Amino acid sequence: MKSVAIILAYILLIIATTSANKYVISNQKVTFHDGYLRCIQYGLDPAEVLSETDEIELEEALKPFKEIGALEGIWIFSSNTGNKTNFFWLNSNLPLFYSKFSVGQPNGVGYSCLEIYQSNTGVFFWNDLACETKLRFVCQRKQNDNMCSDNQVGTRNHQD
């Protein structure tokens, strides 16, 4: 019985470590496009949130950062290239199948880039923002190539 508990604790530690290490949050504040390029230069992927599970993992990674409000957000790498309603992820070129925009967003007032920010109630939301705004950015560690390819093929087949 004791060995089962030890094995279970080890498995939970691996899961927690994997989630915590998936995302890398920069301390640098840069424009959206500079953040995208820096992720690639660092050998990482620009962060994409393709599911509610990804959102939960990202929020966990962001909890240590205490900044509040839309102007203290962090770039995640989706853009609408000027079309208010058609956001897509820059790295995979996939549309947003999942989103967590705050009420009234995206408002498309000349804003084409996507941030995640923490509201004053502690809830995380997405917001469209001017790409020239300087924010921190989030990258994600590259996944196993086979796993990534399988996911992309499956998701692409799901498009309209």
N, C-alpha and C. Protein backbone atom coordinates (compact mmCIF):
# COMPACT_ATOMS: atom_id res chain seq x y z
N MET A 1 0.81 -1.19 0.00
CA MET A 1 0.00 0.00 0.00
C MET A 1 0.86 1.27 0.00
N LYS A 2 1.95 1.23 0.79
CA LYS A 2 2.84 2.38 0.86
C LYS A 2 3.50 2.64 -0.49
N SER A 3 3.89 1.58 -1.20
CA SER A 3 4.53 1.75 -2.51
C SER A 3 3.55 2.33 -3.53
N VAL A 4 2.27 1.98 -3.44
CA VAL A 4 1.26 2.54 -4.34
C VAL A 4 1.14 4.05 -4.10
N ALA A 5 1.15 4.46 -2.85
CA ALA A 5 1.07 5.88 -2.51
C ALA A 5 2.29 6.63 -3.03
N ILE A 6 3.46 6.03 -2.93
CA ILE A 6 4.69 6.66 -3.41
C ILE A 6 4.65 6.80 -4.93
N ILE A 7 4.20 5.76 -5.61
CA ILE A 7 4.09 5.82 -7.08
C ILE A 7 3.09 6.89 -7.49
N LEU A 8 1.93 6.95 -6.82
CA LEU A 8 0.92 7.95 -7.13
C LEU A 8 1.47 9.36 -6.90
N ALA A 9 2.18 9.58 -5.81
CA ALA A 9 2.78 10.88 -5.54
C ALA A 9 3.79 11.25 -6.62
N TYR A 10 4.59 10.29 -7.07
CA TYR A 10 5.57 10.52 -8.13
C TYR A 10 4.88 10.92 -9.43
N ILE A 11 3.80 10.22 -9.79
CA ILE A 11 3.05 10.54 -11.01
C ILE A 11 2.48 11.95 -10.92
N LEU A 12 1.90 12.32 -9.79
CA LEU A 12 1.35 13.67 -9.62
C LEU A 12 2.44 14.72 -9.72
N LEU A 13 3.63 14.45 -9.19
CA LEU A 13 4.74 15.38 -9.28
C LEU A 13 5.15 15.59 -10.74
N ILE A 14 5.21 14.51 -11.51
CA ILE A 14 5.55 14.62 -12.93
C ILE A 14 4.52 15.46 -13.66
N ILE A 15 3.23 15.22 -13.40
CA ILE A 15 2.17 15.98 -14.06
C ILE A 15 2.28 17.46 -13.70
N ALA A 16 2.46 17.76 -12.42
CA ALA A 16 2.57 19.16 -11.98
C ALA A 16 3.78 19.83 -12.60
N THR A 17 4.91 19.13 -12.63
CA THR A 17 6.13 19.69 -13.21
C THR A 17 5.95 19.93 -14.70
N THR A 18 5.32 19.01 -15.39
CA THR A 18 5.10 19.16 -16.82
C THR A 18 4.26 20.39 -17.12
N SER A 19 3.17 20.59 -16.38
CA SER A 19 2.31 21.75 -16.60
C SER A 19 3.05 23.04 -16.29
N ALA A 20 3.78 23.05 -15.19
CA ALA A 20 4.48 24.26 -14.78
C ALA A 20 5.59 24.62 -15.76
N ASN A 21 6.20 23.65 -16.40
CA ASN A 21 7.33 23.90 -17.28
C ASN A 21 6.95 24.08 -18.74
N LYS A 22 5.69 23.98 -19.08
CA LYS A 22 5.27 24.11 -20.47
C LYS A 22 5.47 25.53 -20.98
N TYR A 23 5.21 26.52 -20.14
CA TYR A 23 5.26 27.92 -20.55
C TYR A 23 6.47 28.62 -19.95
N VAL A 24 7.01 29.56 -20.71
CA VAL A 24 8.13 30.38 -20.27
C VAL A 24 7.68 31.83 -20.42
N ILE A 25 7.61 32.55 -19.30
CA ILE A 25 7.15 33.94 -19.32
C ILE A 25 8.36 34.85 -19.26
N SER A 26 8.43 35.78 -20.20
CA SER A 26 9.56 36.70 -20.27
C SER A 26 9.39 37.85 -19.28
N ASN A 27 10.50 38.34 -18.78
CA ASN A 27 10.49 39.56 -17.96
C ASN A 27 10.65 40.80 -18.82
N GLN A 28 11.01 40.62 -20.09
CA GLN A 28 11.21 41.74 -21.00
C GLN A 28 9.86 42.23 -21.51
N LYS A 29 9.73 43.54 -21.65
CA LYS A 29 8.53 44.12 -22.27
C LYS A 29 8.90 44.56 -23.68
N VAL A 30 8.23 43.96 -24.66
CA VAL A 30 8.52 44.23 -26.07
C VAL A 30 7.20 44.27 -26.84
N THR A 31 7.28 44.70 -28.10
CA THR A 31 6.09 44.69 -28.94
C THR A 31 5.69 43.24 -29.25
N PHE A 32 4.49 43.07 -29.75
CA PHE A 32 3.97 41.75 -30.09
C PHE A 32 4.91 41.01 -31.05
N HIS A 33 5.29 41.67 -32.13
CA HIS A 33 6.12 41.02 -33.15
C HIS A 33 7.52 40.71 -32.63
N ASP A 34 8.08 41.59 -31.81
CA ASP A 34 9.39 41.31 -31.21
C ASP A 34 9.31 40.11 -30.27
N GLY A 35 8.23 40.00 -29.52
CA GLY A 35 8.05 38.85 -28.63
C GLY A 35 7.97 37.55 -29.41
N TYR A 36 7.24 37.58 -30.51
CA TYR A 36 7.12 36.40 -31.37
C TYR A 36 8.50 35.95 -31.86
N LEU A 37 9.27 36.91 -32.36
CA LEU A 37 10.61 36.60 -32.87
C LEU A 37 11.54 36.11 -31.76
N ARG A 38 11.43 36.68 -30.58
CA ARG A 38 12.29 36.25 -29.48
C ARG A 38 12.00 34.82 -29.05
N CYS A 39 10.73 34.43 -29.05
CA CYS A 39 10.41 33.03 -28.73
C CYS A 39 11.17 32.10 -29.68
N ILE A 40 11.11 32.42 -30.96
CA ILE A 40 11.78 31.58 -31.97
C ILE A 40 13.30 31.62 -31.77
N GLN A 41 13.84 32.81 -31.51
CA GLN A 41 15.29 32.93 -31.27
C GLN A 41 15.73 32.13 -30.06
N TYR A 42 14.87 32.00 -29.06
CA TYR A 42 15.19 31.24 -27.85
C TYR A 42 14.99 29.74 -28.03
N GLY A 43 14.55 29.32 -29.24
CA GLY A 43 14.32 27.91 -29.49
C GLY A 43 13.01 27.40 -28.92
N LEU A 44 12.07 28.32 -28.70
CA LEU A 44 10.76 27.99 -28.15
C LEU A 44 9.68 28.30 -29.18
N ASP A 45 8.48 27.84 -28.93
CA ASP A 45 7.34 28.20 -29.77
C ASP A 45 6.62 29.39 -29.16
N PRO A 46 6.13 30.31 -29.98
CA PRO A 46 5.26 31.36 -29.45
C PRO A 46 4.00 30.71 -28.86
N ALA A 47 3.57 31.16 -27.70
CA ALA A 47 2.47 30.50 -26.97
C ALA A 47 1.16 30.55 -27.75
N GLU A 48 0.48 29.40 -27.76
CA GLU A 48 -0.85 29.27 -28.34
C GLU A 48 -1.74 28.57 -27.32
N VAL A 49 -2.99 29.00 -27.22
CA VAL A 49 -3.94 28.42 -26.29
C VAL A 49 -5.04 27.77 -27.13
N LEU A 50 -4.90 26.47 -27.34
CA LEU A 50 -5.80 25.76 -28.25
C LEU A 50 -6.99 25.10 -27.55
N SER A 51 -6.98 25.10 -26.22
CA SER A 51 -8.05 24.41 -25.49
C SER A 51 -8.19 25.00 -24.08
N GLU A 52 -9.25 24.60 -23.41
CA GLU A 52 -9.44 25.02 -22.02
C GLU A 52 -8.31 24.48 -21.14
N THR A 53 -7.83 23.28 -21.45
CA THR A 53 -6.71 22.71 -20.69
C THR A 53 -5.47 23.59 -20.83
N ASP A 54 -5.17 24.04 -22.05
CA ASP A 54 -4.04 24.96 -22.26
C ASP A 54 -4.24 26.24 -21.45
N GLU A 55 -5.47 26.76 -21.44
CA GLU A 55 -5.77 27.99 -20.70
C GLU A 55 -5.50 27.81 -19.21
N ILE A 56 -5.95 26.70 -18.66
CA ILE A 56 -5.75 26.42 -17.23
C ILE A 56 -4.26 26.32 -16.91
N GLU A 57 -3.51 25.63 -17.77
CA GLU A 57 -2.06 25.50 -17.56
C GLU A 57 -1.36 26.86 -17.65
N LEU A 58 -1.78 27.68 -18.60
CA LEU A 58 -1.17 29.01 -18.74
C LEU A 58 -1.50 29.88 -17.53
N GLU A 59 -2.74 29.84 -17.08
CA GLU A 59 -3.11 30.63 -15.90
C GLU A 59 -2.30 30.21 -14.68
N GLU A 60 -2.05 28.92 -14.53
CA GLU A 60 -1.21 28.43 -13.42
C GLU A 60 0.19 29.02 -13.51
N ALA A 61 0.73 29.06 -14.73
CA ALA A 61 2.08 29.60 -14.93
C ALA A 61 2.12 31.10 -14.65
N LEU A 62 0.99 31.80 -14.88
CA LEU A 62 0.95 33.25 -14.71
C LEU A 62 0.63 33.69 -13.28
N LYS A 63 0.15 32.79 -12.44
CA LYS A 63 -0.27 33.16 -11.08
C LYS A 63 0.81 33.88 -10.27
N PRO A 64 2.08 33.51 -10.38
CA PRO A 64 3.10 34.23 -9.58
C PRO A 64 3.24 35.71 -9.96
N PHE A 65 2.80 36.09 -11.15
CA PHE A 65 2.89 37.47 -11.59
C PHE A 65 1.66 38.21 -11.08
N LYS A 66 1.88 39.29 -10.37
CA LYS A 66 0.79 39.96 -9.66
C LYS A 66 0.23 41.18 -10.38
N GLU A 67 0.72 41.50 -11.56
CA GLU A 67 0.24 42.68 -12.27
C GLU A 67 -1.24 42.51 -12.62
N ILE A 68 -1.99 43.59 -12.48
CA ILE A 68 -3.42 43.58 -12.72
C ILE A 68 -3.74 44.56 -13.84
N GLY A 69 -4.67 44.19 -14.72
CA GLY A 69 -5.18 45.12 -15.73
C GLY A 69 -4.67 44.85 -17.12
N ALA A 70 -5.45 45.34 -18.09
CA ALA A 70 -5.18 45.07 -19.49
C ALA A 70 -3.85 45.65 -19.97
N LEU A 71 -3.38 46.72 -19.37
CA LEU A 71 -2.11 47.30 -19.80
C LEU A 71 -0.92 46.62 -19.14
N GLU A 72 -1.17 45.63 -18.32
CA GLU A 72 -0.11 44.84 -17.68
C GLU A 72 -0.18 43.38 -18.14
N GLY A 73 -0.83 43.15 -19.26
CA GLY A 73 -1.01 41.79 -19.76
C GLY A 73 0.26 41.20 -20.34
N ILE A 74 0.09 40.04 -20.95
CA ILE A 74 1.20 39.29 -21.53
C ILE A 74 0.77 38.82 -22.91
N TRP A 75 1.64 39.02 -23.90
CA TRP A 75 1.32 38.62 -25.27
C TRP A 75 1.19 37.10 -25.39
N ILE A 76 0.10 36.66 -26.00
CA ILE A 76 -0.03 35.30 -26.53
C ILE A 76 -0.21 35.50 -28.03
N PHE A 77 0.25 34.57 -28.82
CA PHE A 77 0.53 34.92 -30.21
C PHE A 77 -0.57 34.55 -31.20
N SER A 78 -1.63 35.37 -31.13
CA SER A 78 -2.73 35.30 -32.07
C SER A 78 -2.97 36.71 -32.60
N SER A 79 -3.36 36.79 -33.86
CA SER A 79 -3.61 38.08 -34.49
C SER A 79 -4.82 37.97 -35.41
N ASN A 80 -5.45 39.10 -35.65
CA ASN A 80 -6.57 39.11 -36.59
C ASN A 80 -6.21 39.79 -37.89
N THR A 81 -4.97 40.19 -38.06
CA THR A 81 -4.47 40.89 -39.25
C THR A 81 -5.47 41.93 -39.77
N GLY A 82 -6.07 42.67 -38.84
CA GLY A 82 -6.96 43.75 -39.23
C GLY A 82 -8.42 43.37 -39.39
N ASN A 83 -8.75 42.08 -39.38
CA ASN A 83 -10.14 41.65 -39.49
C ASN A 83 -10.64 41.34 -38.09
N LYS A 84 -11.55 42.15 -37.57
CA LYS A 84 -11.99 42.12 -36.18
C LYS A 84 -12.31 40.73 -35.65
N THR A 85 -12.93 39.89 -36.43
CA THR A 85 -13.46 38.62 -35.90
C THR A 85 -12.63 37.40 -36.24
N ASN A 86 -11.64 37.50 -37.09
CA ASN A 86 -10.91 36.31 -37.54
C ASN A 86 -9.51 36.22 -36.95
N PHE A 87 -9.42 35.94 -35.67
CA PHE A 87 -8.13 35.73 -35.04
C PHE A 87 -7.61 34.34 -35.40
N PHE A 88 -6.29 34.22 -35.53
CA PHE A 88 -5.65 32.93 -35.76
C PHE A 88 -4.31 32.91 -35.05
N TRP A 89 -3.85 31.71 -34.73
CA TRP A 89 -2.56 31.54 -34.05
C TRP A 89 -1.45 31.65 -35.08
N LEU A 90 -0.46 32.47 -34.81
CA LEU A 90 0.59 32.74 -35.79
C LEU A 90 1.50 31.54 -36.04
N ASN A 91 1.80 30.76 -35.02
CA ASN A 91 2.73 29.65 -35.20
C ASN A 91 2.11 28.50 -35.99
N SER A 92 0.88 28.14 -35.67
CA SER A 92 0.23 27.00 -36.33
C SER A 92 -0.71 27.42 -37.45
N ASN A 93 -1.04 28.70 -37.53
CA ASN A 93 -1.98 29.24 -38.50
C ASN A 93 -3.40 28.69 -38.30
N LEU A 94 -3.70 28.23 -37.09
CA LEU A 94 -5.03 27.70 -36.78
C LEU A 94 -5.93 28.82 -36.26
N PRO A 95 -7.24 28.74 -36.57
CA PRO A 95 -8.17 29.71 -35.99
C PRO A 95 -8.37 29.45 -34.50
N LEU A 96 -8.99 30.39 -33.82
CA LEU A 96 -9.28 30.21 -32.40
C LEU A 96 -10.51 29.32 -32.24
N PHE A 97 -10.27 28.05 -31.88
CA PHE A 97 -11.38 27.15 -31.57
C PHE A 97 -11.83 27.38 -30.14
N TYR A 98 -10.93 27.87 -29.31
CA TYR A 98 -11.20 28.19 -27.91
C TYR A 98 -10.77 29.63 -27.70
N SER A 99 -11.53 30.38 -26.90
CA SER A 99 -11.12 31.74 -26.54
C SER A 99 -11.69 32.10 -25.18
N LYS A 100 -11.11 33.13 -24.59
CA LYS A 100 -11.57 33.61 -23.29
C LYS A 100 -11.52 35.14 -23.26
N PHE A 101 -12.16 35.74 -24.26
CA PHE A 101 -12.19 37.20 -24.34
C PHE A 101 -13.02 37.78 -23.21
N SER A 102 -12.61 38.95 -22.73
CA SER A 102 -13.42 39.66 -21.74
C SER A 102 -14.64 40.23 -22.45
N VAL A 103 -15.63 40.64 -21.67
CA VAL A 103 -16.88 41.17 -22.21
C VAL A 103 -16.57 42.35 -23.13
N GLY A 104 -17.19 42.36 -24.31
CA GLY A 104 -16.99 43.44 -25.27
C GLY A 104 -15.74 43.31 -26.13
N GLN A 105 -15.01 42.22 -25.95
CA GLN A 105 -13.78 41.99 -26.72
C GLN A 105 -13.96 40.79 -27.65
N PRO A 106 -13.29 40.75 -28.75
CA PRO A 106 -12.42 41.81 -29.25
C PRO A 106 -13.25 42.98 -29.77
N ASN A 107 -12.80 44.18 -29.53
CA ASN A 107 -13.56 45.34 -30.00
C ASN A 107 -13.05 45.86 -31.33
N GLY A 108 -11.89 45.39 -31.77
CA GLY A 108 -11.40 45.68 -33.11
C GLY A 108 -11.14 47.13 -33.41
N VAL A 109 -10.91 47.95 -32.41
CA VAL A 109 -10.67 49.37 -32.64
C VAL A 109 -9.21 49.56 -33.05
N GLY A 110 -8.85 49.04 -34.21
CA GLY A 110 -7.49 49.15 -34.70
C GLY A 110 -6.50 48.25 -33.98
N TYR A 111 -7.00 47.34 -33.18
CA TYR A 111 -6.14 46.45 -32.41
C TYR A 111 -6.15 45.07 -33.05
N SER A 112 -4.96 44.54 -33.31
CA SER A 112 -4.87 43.27 -34.04
C SER A 112 -4.14 42.17 -33.29
N CYS A 113 -3.64 42.44 -32.09
CA CYS A 113 -2.83 41.45 -31.39
C CYS A 113 -3.49 41.06 -30.06
N LEU A 114 -3.14 39.88 -29.57
CA LEU A 114 -3.86 39.29 -28.44
C LEU A 114 -3.00 39.21 -27.19
N GLU A 115 -3.57 39.65 -26.09
CA GLU A 115 -2.92 39.54 -24.78
C GLU A 115 -3.82 38.75 -23.84
N ILE A 116 -3.21 38.19 -22.80
CA ILE A 116 -3.95 37.63 -21.68
C ILE A 116 -3.60 38.51 -20.49
N TYR A 117 -4.62 38.85 -19.68
CA TYR A 117 -4.36 39.70 -18.52
C TYR A 117 -5.21 39.23 -17.35
N GLN A 118 -4.80 39.63 -16.15
CA GLN A 118 -5.53 39.29 -14.94
C GLN A 118 -6.36 40.49 -14.51
N SER A 119 -7.67 40.26 -14.32
CA SER A 119 -8.55 41.34 -13.87
C SER A 119 -8.35 41.60 -12.38
N ASN A 120 -8.95 42.67 -11.88
CA ASN A 120 -8.80 42.98 -10.45
C ASN A 120 -9.51 41.97 -9.56
N THR A 121 -10.32 41.08 -10.14
CA THR A 121 -10.96 40.00 -9.37
C THR A 121 -10.12 38.73 -9.40
N GLY A 122 -8.99 38.76 -10.13
CA GLY A 122 -8.12 37.60 -10.20
C GLY A 122 -8.41 36.67 -11.37
N VAL A 123 -9.45 36.98 -12.14
CA VAL A 123 -9.82 36.15 -13.29
C VAL A 123 -9.00 36.59 -14.50
N PHE A 124 -8.54 35.63 -15.28
CA PHE A 124 -7.78 35.93 -16.49
C PHE A 124 -8.73 36.06 -17.68
N PHE A 125 -8.44 37.03 -18.55
CA PHE A 125 -9.22 37.24 -19.77
C PHE A 125 -8.27 37.55 -20.92
N TRP A 126 -8.83 37.48 -22.14
CA TRP A 126 -8.11 37.87 -23.34
C TRP A 126 -8.63 39.22 -23.80
N ASN A 127 -7.76 39.95 -24.52
CA ASN A 127 -8.10 41.27 -25.00
C ASN A 127 -7.29 41.55 -26.26
N ASP A 128 -7.91 42.23 -27.23
CA ASP A 128 -7.13 42.67 -28.39
C ASP A 128 -6.51 44.02 -28.04
N LEU A 129 -5.29 44.22 -28.52
CA LEU A 129 -4.52 45.39 -28.13
C LEU A 129 -3.64 45.81 -29.31
N ALA A 130 -3.21 47.05 -29.30
CA ALA A 130 -2.29 47.54 -30.34
C ALA A 130 -0.99 46.75 -30.29
N CYS A 131 -0.56 46.25 -31.42
CA CYS A 131 0.63 45.39 -31.50
C CYS A 131 1.91 46.11 -31.06
N GLU A 132 1.92 47.43 -31.12
CA GLU A 132 3.10 48.21 -30.74
C GLU A 132 3.23 48.38 -29.23
N THR A 133 2.20 48.01 -28.48
CA THR A 133 2.26 48.10 -27.02
C THR A 133 3.36 47.18 -26.51
N LYS A 134 4.10 47.63 -25.53
CA LYS A 134 5.19 46.80 -24.98
C LYS A 134 4.68 46.06 -23.75
N LEU A 135 4.63 44.74 -23.87
CA LEU A 135 4.21 43.85 -22.79
C LEU A 135 5.21 42.72 -22.68
N ARG A 136 5.16 42.01 -21.57
CA ARG A 136 5.91 40.75 -21.50
C ARG A 136 5.23 39.77 -22.45
N PHE A 137 5.87 38.65 -22.70
CA PHE A 137 5.32 37.67 -23.63
C PHE A 137 5.54 36.28 -23.09
N VAL A 138 4.79 35.34 -23.62
CA VAL A 138 4.91 33.96 -23.16
C VAL A 138 5.21 33.05 -24.35
N CYS A 139 6.20 32.19 -24.14
CA CYS A 139 6.57 31.17 -25.12
C CYS A 139 6.22 29.82 -24.50
N GLN A 140 6.25 28.79 -25.32
CA GLN A 140 6.04 27.45 -24.77
C GLN A 140 7.11 26.53 -25.30
N ARG A 141 7.45 25.57 -24.47
CA ARG A 141 8.46 24.59 -24.87
C ARG A 141 7.91 23.75 -26.01
N LYS A 142 8.79 23.40 -26.93
CA LYS A 142 8.39 22.57 -28.07
C LYS A 142 7.97 21.20 -27.57
N GLN A 143 6.88 20.69 -28.16
CA GLN A 143 6.39 19.37 -27.81
C GLN A 143 7.11 18.34 -28.66
N ASN A 144 6.93 17.07 -28.30
CA ASN A 144 7.44 15.96 -29.10
C ASN A 144 6.94 16.14 -30.53
N ASP A 145 7.83 16.05 -31.51
CA ASP A 145 7.46 16.29 -32.91
C ASP A 145 6.30 15.42 -33.36
N ASN A 146 6.30 14.14 -33.02
CA ASN A 146 5.21 13.26 -33.44
C ASN A 146 3.89 13.70 -32.83
N MET A 147 3.91 14.06 -31.56
CA MET A 147 2.70 14.49 -30.89
C MET A 147 2.17 15.77 -31.51
N CYS A 148 3.06 16.70 -31.79
CA CYS A 148 2.66 17.96 -32.38
C CYS A 148 2.05 17.75 -33.76
N SER A 149 2.66 16.93 -34.58
CA SER A 149 2.14 16.67 -35.92
C SER A 149 0.77 16.01 -35.86
N ASP A 150 0.62 15.05 -34.96
CA ASP A 150 -0.67 14.40 -34.83
C ASP A 150 -1.75 15.40 -34.45
N ASN A 151 -1.45 16.28 -33.50
CA ASN A 151 -2.43 17.27 -33.06
C ASN A 151 -2.78 18.23 -34.19
N GLN A 152 -1.81 18.68 -34.94
CA GLN A 152 -2.08 19.63 -36.01
C GLN A 152 -2.94 19.00 -37.10
N VAL A 153 -2.64 17.78 -37.47
CA VAL A 153 -3.43 17.12 -38.51
C VAL A 153 -4.87 16.97 -38.05
N GLY A 154 -5.06 16.51 -36.80
CA GLY A 154 -6.40 16.31 -36.27
C GLY A 154 -7.18 17.61 -36.21
N THR A 155 -6.52 18.69 -35.83
CA THR A 155 -7.20 19.97 -35.71
C THR A 155 -7.52 20.54 -37.08
N ARG A 156 -6.60 20.41 -38.01
CA ARG A 156 -6.86 20.94 -39.35
C ARG A 156 -8.04 20.25 -40.02
N ASN A 157 -8.20 18.97 -39.77
CA ASN A 157 -9.33 18.26 -40.35
C ASN A 157 -10.65 18.73 -39.76
N HIS A 158 -10.59 19.44 -38.63
CA HIS A 158 -11.80 19.88 -37.94
C HIS A 158 -12.28 21.24 -38.45
N GLN A 159 -11.50 21.91 -39.28
CA GLN A 159 -11.89 23.23 -39.78
C GLN A 159 -13.05 23.12 -40.74
N ASP A 160 -13.81 24.26 -40.85
CA ASP A 160 -14.93 24.31 -41.82
C ASP A 160 -14.42 24.46 -43.22
